[in-house]
Protein backbone atom coordinates (compact mmCIF):
# COMPACT_ATOMS: atom_id res chain seq x y z
CA MET A 1 0.80 14.53 -2.69
CA THR A 2 2.23 13.85 0.76
CA ALA A 3 5.76 14.17 2.02
CA ASP A 4 7.80 11.26 3.27
CA ALA A 5 7.22 9.88 6.77
CA SER A 6 10.27 11.69 8.16
CA SER A 7 8.39 15.01 7.91
CA ARG A 8 5.27 13.63 9.61
CA VAL A 9 3.82 15.58 12.53
CA GLU A 10 5.36 14.51 15.82
CA THR A 11 2.69 13.44 18.27
CA GLU A 12 2.24 11.61 21.51
CA TRP A 13 -0.02 8.60 21.32
CA LEU A 14 -2.67 8.53 24.03
CA THR A 15 -4.20 5.34 25.44
CA LEU A 16 -7.86 5.19 26.47
CA PRO A 17 -7.02 5.74 30.18
CA GLU A 18 -4.89 8.76 29.21
CA LEU A 19 -7.78 10.12 27.09
CA VAL A 20 -10.14 9.71 30.05
CA GLU A 21 -7.73 11.67 32.25
CA LEU A 22 -7.03 14.36 29.63
CA THR A 23 -10.65 14.95 28.63
CA GLY A 24 -12.19 14.50 32.06
CA GLU A 25 -14.81 12.29 30.43
CA SER A 26 -15.87 8.77 31.41
CA LEU A 27 -14.42 5.78 29.57
CA GLY A 28 -17.84 5.20 28.01
CA ARG A 29 -17.95 8.78 26.70
CA VAL A 30 -14.41 8.52 25.28
CA LYS A 31 -15.35 5.27 23.52
CA ARG A 32 -18.43 7.02 22.07
CA LEU A 33 -16.23 9.84 20.74
CA ILE A 34 -14.25 7.16 18.91
CA ASP A 35 -17.29 5.13 17.79
CA GLU A 36 -18.92 8.29 16.42
CA SER A 37 -15.71 9.41 14.63
CA TYR A 38 -15.02 12.50 16.71
CA LEU A 39 -11.64 10.83 17.27
CA ILE A 40 -9.86 8.01 15.50
CA GLY A 41 -7.03 5.84 16.62
CA THR A 42 -4.97 2.82 15.80
CA ARG A 43 -3.33 -0.14 17.49
CA ARG A 44 0.35 0.18 18.38
CA ASP A 45 1.97 -2.83 20.02
CA GLY A 46 -1.55 -4.19 20.62
CA VAL A 47 -2.76 -1.09 22.47
CA PHE A 48 -5.40 1.26 21.03
CA VAL A 49 -4.03 4.82 20.88
CA VAL A 50 -5.11 8.22 19.55
CA PRO A 51 -2.74 10.98 18.36
CA SER A 52 -2.59 13.74 20.98
CA VAL A 53 -2.60 16.40 18.23
CA PHE A 54 -6.23 15.47 17.56
CA LEU A 55 -7.16 17.28 20.80
CA ILE A 56 -6.92 20.89 21.89
CA ASP A 57 -7.47 21.83 25.53
CA GLY A 58 -8.72 18.34 26.34
CA SER A 59 -11.32 18.15 23.56
CA PRO A 60 -11.26 16.80 20.02
CA ILE A 61 -10.57 19.49 17.42
CA ALA A 62 -14.09 20.58 16.48
CA SER A 63 -13.62 20.18 12.72
CA LEU A 64 -11.97 16.76 13.00
CA HIS A 65 -15.28 14.86 13.11
CA GLY A 66 -16.55 16.06 9.73
CA THR A 67 -13.13 15.61 8.19
CA ILE A 68 -12.96 12.00 9.40
CA ILE A 69 -16.38 11.42 7.83
CA VAL A 70 -15.17 12.86 4.50
CA LEU A 71 -12.08 10.61 4.62
CA HIS A 72 -14.16 7.52 5.46
CA ASP A 73 -16.52 8.42 2.58
CA ALA A 74 -13.44 8.58 0.32
CA GLY A 75 -12.65 4.98 1.31
CA PHE A 76 -9.93 5.65 3.89
CA SER A 77 -9.45 3.28 6.81
CA ASP A 78 -8.75 4.84 10.21
CA ASP A 79 -5.03 4.13 9.77
CA GLU A 80 -4.99 5.75 6.32
CA ALA A 81 -6.93 8.75 7.64
CA ILE A 82 -4.46 9.18 10.51
CA ASP A 83 -1.55 9.01 8.08
CA TRP A 84 -3.14 11.63 5.82
CA LEU A 85 -3.94 13.95 8.72
CA LEU A 86 -0.39 13.76 10.11
CA ASP A 87 1.57 13.95 6.85
CA PRO A 88 2.27 17.38 5.32
CA ASP A 89 0.17 17.92 2.20
CA ASP A 90 1.50 19.97 -0.72
CA GLN A 91 -1.93 21.41 -1.60
CA ILE A 92 -2.54 22.58 1.98
CA GLY A 93 1.05 23.56 2.73
CA VAL A 94 1.09 21.89 6.16
CA ALA A 95 -0.18 18.70 7.73
CA PRO A 96 -3.98 18.67 7.49
CA ILE A 97 -4.31 18.34 11.29
CA HIS A 98 -2.41 21.62 11.73
CA ALA A 99 -4.67 23.31 9.17
CA LEU A 100 -7.76 22.04 11.03
CA ALA A 101 -6.37 23.33 14.33
CA ALA A 102 -5.85 26.71 12.64
CA GLY A 103 -9.48 26.88 11.50
CA ARG A 104 -8.90 25.94 7.85
CA LYS A 105 -11.64 23.30 7.79
CA SER A 106 -13.07 24.11 4.33
CA GLU A 107 -9.68 23.91 2.63
CA VAL A 108 -8.81 20.60 4.31
CA ARG A 109 -12.15 19.03 3.42
CA ARG A 110 -11.96 20.29 -0.18
CA VAL A 111 -8.61 18.53 -0.59
CA ALA A 112 -9.88 15.42 1.23
CA ARG A 113 -12.83 15.16 -1.16
CA THR A 114 -10.46 14.99 -4.13
CA LEU A 115 -8.87 11.83 -2.69
CA ALA A 116 -11.84 9.54 -3.41
């Protein structure tokens, strides 16, 4: 269903201080965005980071929140959800994060629901 890791979406990984700077929000607000699943991240070398492709113009992609909820409901951990969002998907034709950025929310969530 997904391609190998070599075709994964290239992304910068943003730390919390970088997210604060990029979004113009307070650290508390950025942490709330993560706690409320508007963004998800992972630990790399002990540091919590979020893929930069999850944001457009300094804000989380609007449809990312609901998609994260669907993936969590399907039993995905944050790391698994990040992998799925960044890996090209044969049913969608591109990485799900690119489809979300292009406004293809319904299609992405339909495919995500089949993963449970």
